[in-house]
Amino acid sequence: MNDTPDAYLARLPAPQRDALQALRAVLRAALPGAAECISYAMPGFRMPGGKMVAGYAAFSRHLGLYPHSGGVIPGFAAECAALGFKTSKSGVLFTPDHPLPDDLVRRILAARLAEIG
């Protein structure tokens, strides 16, 4: 399948698309050297050299930010829970009505970039 982040987002209902477009803008600003791509069937950002930094996706009941690492999100789990977000080992779940704070997204990205080295 030849997909792009724009095509992925275009298929979504407006509330999900708008929320992920806002997240995409934060990711793009925080990762100026990264290229946008599709990886694991979701839009994301890849650093020069090939390492995935983060992806994002829409599902029927939630949206998610996925830093392509099992070691990043556990360090933010308590903060996410306090802010009303569910987490898994690999991602943070949110809704269009309750988006992730930009500062939290930037700190998750910083942790992933530090992990990549």
Protein backbone atom coordinates (compact mmCIF):
# COMPACT_ATOMS: atom_id res chain seq x y z
CA MET A 1 0.00 0.00 0.00
CA ASN A 2 1.39 3.37 -1.03
CA ASP A 3 0.16 5.69 1.71
CA THR A 4 1.22 9.11 2.95
CA PRO A 5 0.53 10.99 6.20
CA ASP A 6 -1.70 13.40 4.26
CA ALA A 7 -3.73 10.55 2.74
CA TYR A 8 -4.04 8.85 6.15
CA LEU A 9 -5.35 12.05 7.75
CA ALA A 10 -7.70 12.84 4.85
CA ARG A 11 -9.61 9.60 5.48
CA LEU A 12 -10.45 10.51 9.09
CA PRO A 13 -13.59 12.23 10.45
CA ALA A 14 -12.98 15.94 11.06
CA PRO A 15 -12.59 15.80 14.88
CA GLN A 16 -9.93 13.07 14.69
CA ARG A 17 -8.22 14.69 11.69
CA ASP A 18 -8.09 18.10 13.38
CA ALA A 19 -6.69 16.66 16.62
CA LEU A 20 -4.01 14.65 14.78
CA GLN A 21 -3.14 17.62 12.55
CA ALA A 22 -2.50 19.65 15.71
CA LEU A 23 -0.33 16.86 17.13
CA ARG A 24 1.48 16.57 13.78
CA ALA A 25 2.30 20.29 13.91
CA VAL A 26 3.85 19.90 17.38
CA LEU A 27 5.85 16.86 16.23
CA ARG A 28 7.01 18.64 13.08
CA ALA A 29 8.15 21.71 15.03
CA ALA A 30 9.97 19.59 17.62
CA LEU A 31 11.65 17.35 15.01
CA PRO A 32 12.91 19.70 12.29
CA GLY A 33 15.42 17.17 10.94
CA ALA A 34 12.97 14.29 10.73
CA ALA A 35 11.13 13.08 7.64
CA GLU A 36 7.44 12.24 7.68
CA CYS A 37 6.56 8.72 6.69
CA ILE A 38 4.22 5.81 7.26
CA SER A 39 5.55 3.10 9.57
CA TYR A 40 3.58 0.30 11.21
CA ALA A 41 0.55 1.55 9.23
CA MET A 42 0.59 4.93 10.99
CA PRO A 43 2.01 8.36 10.15
CA GLY A 44 5.21 9.23 11.92
CA PHE A 45 8.59 10.88 11.90
CA ARG A 46 11.89 9.20 11.06
CA MET A 47 15.30 10.68 11.84
CA PRO A 48 18.08 10.79 9.26
CA GLY A 49 19.70 7.39 9.45
CA GLY A 50 16.39 5.60 9.70
CA LYS A 51 15.35 5.55 13.39
CA MET A 52 11.64 6.15 13.99
CA VAL A 53 10.99 8.79 16.63
CA ALA A 54 7.23 8.79 16.97
CA GLY A 55 4.01 7.94 15.23
CA TYR A 56 0.38 8.81 15.72
CA ALA A 57 -2.83 7.02 14.87
CA ALA A 58 -6.62 7.12 15.00
CA PHE A 59 -8.82 4.30 16.23
CA SER A 60 -12.57 4.07 16.69
CA ARG A 61 -12.59 5.29 20.31
CA HIS A 62 -9.29 7.10 20.76
CA LEU A 63 -6.17 8.57 19.19
CA GLY A 64 -2.63 7.68 20.15
CA LEU A 65 0.93 8.96 20.25
CA TYR A 66 3.51 6.19 19.91
CA PRO A 67 7.23 6.91 20.41
CA HIS A 68 8.27 3.59 18.79
CA SER A 69 9.85 2.40 22.02
CA GLY A 70 8.69 0.40 24.98
CA GLY A 71 10.99 2.33 27.29
CA VAL A 72 9.69 5.90 26.96
CA ILE A 73 6.01 5.95 27.98
CA PRO A 74 6.41 4.11 31.32
CA GLY A 75 8.42 7.11 32.52
CA PHE A 76 5.41 9.35 31.85
CA ALA A 77 2.66 6.97 32.99
CA ALA A 78 1.98 8.59 36.37
CA GLU A 79 1.88 12.10 34.88
CA CYS A 80 -0.38 10.93 32.06
CA ALA A 81 -2.74 9.25 34.51
CA ALA A 82 -2.88 12.42 36.63
CA LEU A 83 -3.84 14.35 33.48
CA GLY A 84 -6.55 11.83 32.63
CA PHE A 85 -4.78 9.93 29.84
CA LYS A 86 -4.50 6.16 29.52
CA THR A 87 -1.15 4.67 28.60
CA SER A 88 0.19 1.39 27.33
CA LYS A 89 3.82 0.32 27.24
CA SER A 90 4.10 1.86 23.79
CA GLY A 91 1.75 4.86 23.70
CA VAL A 92 -0.46 7.51 25.21
CA LEU A 93 -4.15 7.48 24.35
CA PHE A 94 -6.24 10.63 24.00
CA THR A 95 -9.38 11.93 22.32
CA PRO A 96 -10.13 14.95 20.14
CA ASP A 97 -11.95 16.49 23.10
CA HIS A 98 -8.97 15.91 25.42
CA PRO A 99 -5.75 16.36 23.41
CA LEU A 100 -2.26 15.87 24.78
CA PRO A 101 -0.63 19.04 26.13
CA ASP A 102 2.08 20.30 23.76
CA ASP A 103 4.64 20.39 26.58
CA LEU A 104 4.02 16.74 27.41
CA VAL A 105 4.43 15.79 23.74
CA ARG A 106 7.72 17.70 23.54
CA ARG A 107 9.04 15.98 26.69
CA ILE A 108 8.07 12.53 25.39
CA LEU A 109 9.89 13.33 22.14
CA ALA A 110 12.95 14.54 24.06
CA ALA A 111 13.02 11.25 25.99
CA ARG A 112 12.77 9.27 22.75
CA LEU A 113 15.53 11.33 21.10
CA ALA A 114 17.75 10.80 24.14
CA GLU A 115 17.08 7.06 23.88
CA ILE A 116 17.99 7.06 20.19
CA GLY A 117 21.19 8.90 21.01
